[in-house]
Amino acid sequence: MDKLIHRPERVLRAKAVQDRIGCGNSKFYELLKAGEFPPGIRIGSRSVGWRESQVEAWIASRPLVDLRKSHREQFA
């Protein structure tokens, strides 16, 4: 019988999330404020983190870009 190994989910702090998604501080908080990024979870009285699975799902949901087309052609 196969046993599943449950690995605890990682919680990423803001800087790690920004590094993972490739944006800076201002853009990250802009995405949060606009509701375009999953909300964080409270991990302490003054600490917030993001579930790694939610960050990865958000990345996977982003549209692919065809670099052979201009920006205008892709998003028209």
PDB file of N, CA and C in Angstrom:
ATOM      1  N   MET A   1       0.837  -1.166   0.000  1.00  0.00           N
ATOM      2  CA  MET A   1       0.000   0.000   0.000  1.00  0.00           C
ATOM      3  C   MET A   1       0.894   1.246   0.000  1.00  0.00           C
ATOM      4  N   ASP A   2       0.610   2.169  -0.907  1.00  0.00           N
ATOM      5  CA  ASP A   2       1.391   3.403  -0.981  1.00  0.00           C
ATOM      6  C   ASP A   2       0.984   4.346   0.139  1.00  0.00           C
ATOM      7  N   LYS A   3       1.964   4.918   0.766  1.00  0.00           N
ATOM      8  CA  LYS A   3       1.695   5.905   1.806  1.00  0.00           C
ATOM      9  C   LYS A   3       1.964   7.289   1.234  1.00  0.00           C
ATOM     10  N   LEU A   4       1.026   8.182   1.445  1.00  0.00           N
ATOM     11  CA  LEU A   4       1.214   9.556   1.016  1.00  0.00           C
ATOM     12  C   LEU A   4       1.962  10.309   2.102  1.00  0.00           C
ATOM     13  N   ILE A   5       2.942  11.038   1.696  1.00  0.00           N
ATOM     14  CA  ILE A   5       3.683  11.854   2.643  1.00  0.00           C
ATOM     15  C   ILE A   5       3.126  13.262   2.552  1.00  0.00           C
ATOM     16  N   HIS A   6       2.591  13.734   3.666  1.00  0.00           N
ATOM     17  CA  HIS A   6       2.034  15.084   3.691  1.00  0.00           C
ATOM     18  C   HIS A   6       3.118  16.064   4.112  1.00  0.00           C
ATOM     19  N   ARG A   7       3.429  16.952   3.223  1.00  0.00           N
ATOM     20  CA  ARG A   7       4.426  17.975   3.514  1.00  0.00           C
ATOM     21  C   ARG A   7       3.689  19.237   3.949  1.00  0.00           C
ATOM     22  N   PRO A   8       4.037  19.807   5.086  1.00  0.00           N
ATOM     23  CA  PRO A   8       3.350  21.020   5.529  1.00  0.00           C
ATOM     24  C   PRO A   8       3.517  22.139   4.508  1.00  0.00           C
ATOM     25  N   GLU A   9       2.477  22.923   4.361  1.00  0.00           N
ATOM     26  CA  GLU A   9       2.524  24.022   3.400  1.00  0.00           C
ATOM     27  C   GLU A   9       3.435  25.131   3.906  1.00  0.00           C
ATOM     28  N   ARG A  10       4.228  25.672   3.002  1.00  0.00           N
ATOM     29  CA  ARG A  10       5.106  26.788   3.353  1.00  0.00           C
ATOM     30  C   ARG A  10       4.318  28.088   3.315  1.00  0.00           C
ATOM     31  N   VAL A  11       4.664  28.981   4.198  1.00  0.00           N
ATOM     32  CA  VAL A  11       4.105  30.328   4.216  1.00  0.00           C
ATOM     33  C   VAL A  11       5.237  31.276   3.860  1.00  0.00           C
ATOM     34  N   LEU A  12       5.001  32.098   2.844  1.00  0.00           N
ATOM     35  CA  LEU A  12       6.024  33.011   2.342  1.00  0.00           C
ATOM     36  C   LEU A  12       5.768  34.422   2.845  1.00  0.00           C
ATOM     37  N   ARG A  13       6.812  35.107   3.223  1.00  0.00           N
ATOM     38  CA  ARG A  13       6.696  36.507   3.621  1.00  0.00           C
ATOM     39  C   ARG A  13       6.678  37.374   2.363  1.00  0.00           C
ATOM     40  N   ALA A  14       6.323  38.647   2.513  1.00  0.00           N
ATOM     41  CA  ALA A  14       6.122  39.553   1.383  1.00  0.00           C
ATOM     42  C   ALA A  14       7.327  39.598   0.445  1.00  0.00           C
ATOM     43  N   LYS A  15       8.524  39.714   0.978  1.00  0.00           N
ATOM     44  CA  LYS A  15       9.718  39.808   0.125  1.00  0.00           C
ATOM     45  C   LYS A  15       9.904  38.545  -0.709  1.00  0.00           C
ATOM     46  N   ALA A  16       9.664  37.385  -0.112  1.00  0.00           N
ATOM     47  CA  ALA A  16       9.789  36.121  -0.849  1.00  0.00           C
ATOM     48  C   ALA A  16       8.737  36.032  -1.950  1.00  0.00           C
ATOM     49  N   VAL A  17       7.528  36.516  -1.668  1.00  0.00           N
ATOM     50  CA  VAL A  17       6.466  36.519  -2.685  1.00  0.00           C
ATOM     51  C   VAL A  17       6.856  37.453  -3.823  1.00  0.00           C
ATOM     52  N   GLN A  18       7.329  38.639  -3.487  1.00  0.00           N
ATOM     53  CA  GLN A  18       7.741  39.598  -4.515  1.00  0.00           C
ATOM     54  C   GLN A  18       8.843  39.024  -5.395  1.00  0.00           C
ATOM     55  N   ASP A  19       9.803  38.358  -4.785  1.00  0.00           N
ATOM     56  CA  ASP A  19      10.876  37.723  -5.561  1.00  0.00           C
ATOM     57  C   ASP A  19      10.315  36.629  -6.463  1.00  0.00           C
ATOM     58  N   ARG A  20       9.372  35.865  -5.952  1.00  0.00           N
ATOM     59  CA  ARG A  20       8.794  34.748  -6.707  1.00  0.00           C
ATOM     60  C   ARG A  20       7.998  35.247  -7.910  1.00  0.00           C
ATOM     61  N   ILE A  21       7.228  36.334  -7.733  1.00  0.00           N
ATOM     62  CA  ILE A  21       6.381  36.803  -8.836  1.00  0.00           C
ATOM     63  C   ILE A  21       7.066  37.865  -9.689  1.00  0.00           C
ATOM     64  N   GLY A  22       8.231  38.310  -9.263  1.00  0.00           N
ATOM     65  CA  GLY A  22       9.013  39.232 -10.081  1.00  0.00           C
ATOM     66  C   GLY A  22       8.523  40.662 -10.082  1.00  0.00           C
ATOM     67  N   CYS A  23       8.106  41.159  -8.931  1.00  0.00           N
ATOM     68  CA  CYS A  23       7.694  42.559  -8.869  1.00  0.00           C
ATOM     69  C   CYS A  23       8.253  43.199  -7.608  1.00  0.00           C
ATOM     70  N   GLY A  24       8.194  44.514  -7.576  1.00  0.00           N
ATOM     71  CA  GLY A  24       8.681  45.251  -6.424  1.00  0.00           C
ATOM     72  C   GLY A  24       7.594  45.480  -5.388  1.00  0.00           C
ATOM     73  N   ASN A  25       7.980  46.151  -4.334  1.00  0.00           N
ATOM     74  CA  ASN A  25       7.100  46.417  -3.209  1.00  0.00           C
ATOM     75  C   ASN A  25       5.831  47.175  -3.616  1.00  0.00           C
ATOM     76  N   SER A  26       5.987  48.266  -4.366  1.00  0.00           N
ATOM     77  CA  SER A  26       4.836  49.088  -4.748  1.00  0.00           C
ATOM     78  C   SER A  26       3.838  48.307  -5.589  1.00  0.00           C
ATOM     79  N   LYS A  27       4.320  47.602  -6.594  1.00  0.00           N
ATOM     80  CA  LYS A  27       3.436  46.824  -7.471  1.00  0.00           C
ATOM     81  C   LYS A  27       2.743  45.718  -6.691  1.00  0.00           C
ATOM     82  N   PHE A  28       3.454  45.065  -5.781  1.00  0.00           N
ATOM     83  CA  PHE A  28       2.874  43.993  -4.983  1.00  0.00           C
ATOM     84  C   PHE A  28       1.689  44.505  -4.166  1.00  0.00           C
ATOM     85  N   TYR A  29       1.879  45.616  -3.467  1.00  0.00           N
ATOM     86  CA  TYR A  29       0.789  46.139  -2.648  1.00  0.00           C
ATOM     87  C   TYR A  29      -0.326  46.741  -3.495  1.00  0.00           C
ATOM     88  N   GLU A  30       0.010  47.204  -4.691  1.00  0.00           N
ATOM     89  CA  GLU A  30      -1.010  47.660  -5.643  1.00  0.00           C
ATOM     90  C   GLU A  30      -1.904  46.484  -6.057  1.00  0.00           C
ATOM     91  N   LEU A  31      -1.303  45.336  -6.350  1.00  0.00           N
ATOM     92  CA  LEU A  31      -2.065  44.132  -6.704  1.00  0.00           C
ATOM     93  C   LEU A  31      -2.968  43.700  -5.549  1.00  0.00           C
ATOM     94  N   LEU A  32      -2.443  43.754  -4.325  1.00  0.00           N
ATOM     95  CA  LEU A  32      -3.245  43.384  -3.153  1.00  0.00           C
ATOM     96  C   LEU A  32      -4.433  44.320  -2.975  1.00  0.00           C
ATOM     97  N   LYS A  33      -4.164  45.615  -3.048  1.00  0.00           N
ATOM     98  CA  LYS A  33      -5.215  46.614  -2.849  1.00  0.00           C
ATOM     99  C   LYS A  33      -6.315  46.487  -3.894  1.00  0.00           C
ATOM    100  N   ALA A  34      -5.939  46.145  -5.126  1.00  0.00           N
ATOM    101  CA  ALA A  34      -6.910  46.002  -6.216  1.00  0.00           C
ATOM    102  C   ALA A  34      -7.641  44.661  -6.172  1.00  0.00           C
ATOM    103  N   GLY A  35      -7.262  43.778  -5.248  1.00  0.00           N
ATOM    104  CA  GLY A  35      -7.888  42.458  -5.168  1.00  0.00           C
ATOM    105  C   GLY A  35      -7.441  41.518  -6.271  1.00  0.00           C
ATOM    106  N   GLU A  36      -6.295  41.815  -6.888  1.00  0.00           N
ATOM    107  CA  GLU A  36      -5.780  41.003  -7.991  1.00  0.00           C
ATOM    108  C   GLU A  36      -4.785  39.940  -7.531  1.00  0.00           C
ATOM    109  N   PHE A  37      -4.545  39.871  -6.229  1.00  0.00           N
ATOM    110  CA  PHE A  37      -3.625  38.888  -5.667  1.00  0.00           C
ATOM    111  C   PHE A  37      -4.275  38.322  -4.415  1.00  0.00           C
ATOM    112  N   PRO A  38      -4.053  37.041  -4.120  1.00  0.00           N
ATOM    113  CA  PRO A  38      -4.690  36.444  -2.937  1.00  0.00           C
ATOM    114  C   PRO A  38      -4.318  37.194  -1.657  1.00  0.00           C
ATOM    115  N   PRO A  39      -5.272  37.334  -0.753  1.00  0.00           N
ATOM    116  CA  PRO A  39      -4.965  38.010   0.512  1.00  0.00           C
ATOM    117  C   PRO A  39      -4.014  37.177   1.361  1.00  0.00           C
ATOM    118  N   GLY A  40      -3.293  37.849   2.215  1.00  0.00           N
ATOM    119  CA  GLY A  40      -2.361  37.167   3.107  1.00  0.00           C
ATOM    120  C   GLY A  40      -3.079  36.541   4.289  1.00  0.00           C
ATOM    121  N   ILE A  41      -2.315  35.809   5.071  1.00  0.00           N
ATOM    122  CA  ILE A  41      -2.838  35.210   6.298  1.00  0.00           C
ATOM    123  C   ILE A  41      -2.023  35.747   7.471  1.00  0.00           C
ATOM    124  N   ARG A  42      -2.682  35.934   8.584  1.00  0.00           N
ATOM    125  CA  ARG A  42      -2.001  36.436   9.785  1.00  0.00           C
ATOM    126  C   ARG A  42      -1.149  35.313  10.363  1.00  0.00           C
ATOM    127  N   ILE A  43       0.136  35.578  10.560  1.00  0.00           N
ATOM    128  CA  ILE A  43       1.021  34.564  11.131  1.00  0.00           C
ATOM    129  C   ILE A  43       1.624  35.029  12.454  1.00  0.00           C
ATOM    130  N   GLY A  44       1.228  36.180  12.895  1.00  0.00           N
ATOM    131  CA  GLY A  44       1.689  36.738  14.161  1.00  0.00           C
ATOM    132  C   GLY A  44       0.953  38.038  14.403  1.00  0.00           C
ATOM    133  N   SER A  45       1.211  38.678  15.510  1.00  0.00           N
ATOM    134  CA  SER A  45       0.489  39.911  15.819  1.00  0.00           C
ATOM    135  C   SER A  45       0.783  41.021  14.813  1.00  0.00           C
ATOM    136  N   ARG A  46       1.976  41.008  14.230  1.00  0.00           N
ATOM    137  CA  ARG A  46       2.334  42.031  13.246  1.00  0.00           C
ATOM    138  C   ARG A  46       2.910  41.429  11.973  1.00  0.00           C
ATOM    139  N   SER A  47       2.625  40.165  11.727  1.00  0.00           N
ATOM    140  CA  SER A  47       3.213  39.469  10.580  1.00  0.00           C
ATOM    141  C   SER A  47       2.138  38.882   9.681  1.00  0.00           C
ATOM    142  N   VAL A  48       2.371  38.996   8.392  1.00  0.00           N
ATOM    143  CA  VAL A  48       1.463  38.441   7.385  1.00  0.00           C
ATOM    144  C   VAL A  48       2.293  37.600   6.431  1.00  0.00           C
ATOM    145  N   GLY A  49       1.709  36.519   5.958  1.00  0.00           N
ATOM    146  CA  GLY A  49       2.370  35.670   4.977  1.00  0.00           C
ATOM    147  C   GLY A  49       1.367  35.201   3.941  1.00  0.00           C
ATOM    148  N   TRP A  50       1.861  34.521   2.927  1.00  0.00           N
ATOM    149  CA  TRP A  50       1.020  33.997   1.850  1.00  0.00           C
ATOM    150  C   TRP A  50       1.323  32.526   1.674  1.00  0.00           C
ATOM    151  N   ARG A  51       0.263  31.732   1.521  1.00  0.00           N
ATOM    152  CA  ARG A  51       0.442  30.297   1.287  1.00  0.00           C
ATOM    153  C   ARG A  51       1.134  30.105  -0.060  1.00  0.00           C
ATOM    154  N   GLU A  52       2.176  29.296  -0.060  1.00  0.00           N
ATOM    155  CA  GLU A  52       2.941  29.054  -1.279  1.00  0.00           C
ATOM    156  C   GLU A  52       2.046  28.516  -2.394  1.00  0.00           C
ATOM    157  N   SER A  53       1.097  27.656  -2.057  1.00  0.00           N
ATOM    158  CA  SER A  53       0.208  27.084  -3.075  1.00  0.00           C
ATOM    159  C   SER A  53      -0.645  28.161  -3.737  1.00  0.00           C
ATOM    160  N   GLN A  54      -1.073  29.167  -2.974  1.00  0.00           N
ATOM    161  CA  GLN A  54      -1.868  30.248  -3.558  1.00  0.00           C
ATOM    162  C   GLN A  54      -1.019  31.131  -4.465  1.00  0.00           C
ATOM    163  N   VAL A  55       0.221  31.359  -4.070  1.00  0.00           N
ATOM    164  CA  VAL A  55       1.134  32.145  -4.905  1.00  0.00           C
ATOM    165  C   VAL A  55       1.393  31.405  -6.217  1.00  0.00           C
ATOM    166  N   GLU A  56       1.654  30.107  -6.135  1.00  0.00           N
ATOM    167  CA  GLU A  56       1.902  29.306  -7.338  1.00  0.00           C
ATOM    168  C   GLU A  56       0.663  29.252  -8.235  1.00  0.00           C
ATOM    169  N   ALA A  57      -0.523  29.150  -7.639  1.00  0.00           N
ATOM    170  CA  ALA A  57      -1.768  29.136  -8.425  1.00  0.00           C
ATOM    171  C   ALA A  57      -1.961  30.471  -9.134  1.00  0.00           C
ATOM    172  N   TRP A  58      -1.626  31.562  -8.464  1.00  0.00           N
ATOM    173  CA  TRP A  58      -1.755  32.885  -9.075  1.00  0.00           C
ATOM    174  C   TRP A  58      -0.810  32.998 -10.275  1.00  0.00           C
ATOM    175  N   ILE A  59       0.423  32.541 -10.104  1.00  0.00           N
ATOM    176  CA  ILE A  59       1.391  32.575 -11.206  1.00  0.00           C
ATOM    177  C   ILE A  59       0.866  31.755 -12.386  1.00  0.00           C
ATOM    178  N   ALA A  60       0.344  30.567 -12.105  1.00  0.00           N
ATOM    179  CA  ALA A  60      -0.172  29.688 -13.167  1.00  0.00           C
ATOM    180  C   ALA A  60      -1.373  30.302 -13.879  1.00  0.00           C
ATOM    181  N   SER A  61      -2.112  31.174 -13.202  1.00  0.00           N
ATOM    182  CA  SER A  61      -3.310  31.773 -13.796  1.00  0.00           C
ATOM    183  C   SER A  61      -2.999  32.955 -14.706  1.00  0.00           C
ATOM    184  N   ARG A  62      -1.777  33.442 -14.677  1.00  0.00           N
ATOM    185  CA  ARG A  62      -1.407  34.608 -15.472  1.00  0.00           C
ATOM    186  C   ARG A  62      -1.315  34.226 -16.947  1.00  0.00           C
ATOM    187  N   PRO A  63      -1.738  35.137 -17.842  1.00  0.00           N
ATOM    188  CA  PRO A  63      -1.686  34.819 -19.273  1.00  0.00           C
ATOM    189  C   PRO A  63      -0.247  34.727 -19.783  1.00  0.00           C
ATOM    190  N   LEU A  64      -0.065  33.847 -20.743  1.00  0.00           N
ATOM    191  CA  LEU A  64       1.235  33.728 -21.399  1.00  0.00           C
ATOM    192  C   LEU A  64       1.408  34.883 -22.373  1.00  0.00           C
ATOM    193  N   VAL A  65       2.628  35.276 -22.629  1.00  0.00           N
ATOM    194  CA  VAL A  65       2.929  36.389 -23.515  1.00  0.00           C
ATOM    195  C   VAL A  65       3.689  35.861 -24.722  1.00  0.00           C
ATOM    196  N   ASP A  66       3.250  36.270 -25.903  1.00  0.00           N
ATOM    197  CA  ASP A  66       3.946  35.917 -27.137  1.00  0.00           C
ATOM    198  C   ASP A  66       4.875  37.076 -27.480  1.00  0.00           C
ATOM    199  N   LEU A  67       6.160  36.897 -27.277  1.00  0.00           N
ATOM    200  CA  LEU A  67       7.122  37.977 -27.481  1.00  0.00           C
ATOM    201  C   LEU A  67       7.304  38.345 -28.949  1.00  0.00           C
ATOM    202  N   ARG A  68       6.726  37.556 -29.840  1.00  0.00           N
ATOM    203  CA  ARG A  68       6.809  37.882 -31.269  1.00  0.00           C
ATOM    204  C   ARG A  68       5.798  38.949 -31.650  1.00  0.00           C
ATOM    205  N   LYS A  69       4.795  39.172 -30.787  1.00  0.00           N
ATOM    206  CA  LYS A  69       3.766  40.178 -31.066  1.00  0.00           C
ATOM    207  C   LYS A  69       4.025  41.414 -30.219  1.00  0.00           C
ATOM    208  N   SER A  70       3.539  42.541 -30.716  1.00  0.00           N
ATOM    209  CA  SER A  70       3.690  43.768 -29.940  1.00  0.00           C
ATOM    210  C   SER A  70       2.727  43.739 -28.755  1.00  0.00           C
ATOM    211  N   HIS A  71       2.989  44.588 -27.800  1.00  0.00           N
ATOM    212  CA  HIS A  71       2.119  44.710 -26.621  1.00  0.00           C
ATOM    213  C   HIS A  71       0.687  45.024 -27.056  1.00  0.00           C
ATOM    214  N   ARG A  72       0.546  45.936 -28.004  1.00  0.00           N
ATOM    215  CA  ARG A  72      -0.773  46.356 -28.484  1.00  0.00           C
ATOM    216  C   ARG A  72      -1.526  45.185 -29.122  1.00  0.00           C
ATOM    217  N   GLU A  73      -0.832  44.358 -29.906  1.00  0.00           N
ATOM    218  CA  GLU A  73      -1.472  43.204 -30.552  1.00  0.00           C
ATOM    219  C   GLU A  73      -1.953  42.179 -29.528  1.00  0.00           C
ATOM    220  N   GLN A  74      -1.185  41.981 -28.471  1.00  0.00           N
ATOM    221  CA  GLN A  74      -1.530  40.966 -27.482  1.00  0.00           C
ATOM    222  C   GLN A  74      -2.694  41.365 -26.600  1.00  0.00           C
ATOM    223  N   PHE A  75      -2.792  42.633 -26.270  1.00  0.00           N
ATOM    224  CA  PHE A  75      -3.771  43.055 -25.280  1.00  0.00           C
ATOM    225  C   PHE A  75      -4.882  43.909 -25.865  1.00  0.00           C
ATOM    226  N   ALA A  76      -5.040  43.879 -27.177  1.00  0.00           N
ATOM    227  CA  ALA A  76      -6.112  44.648 -27.830  1.00  0.00           C
ATOM    228  C   ALA A  76      -7.445  43.958 -27.668  1.00  0.00           C
TER     229      ALA A  76
END
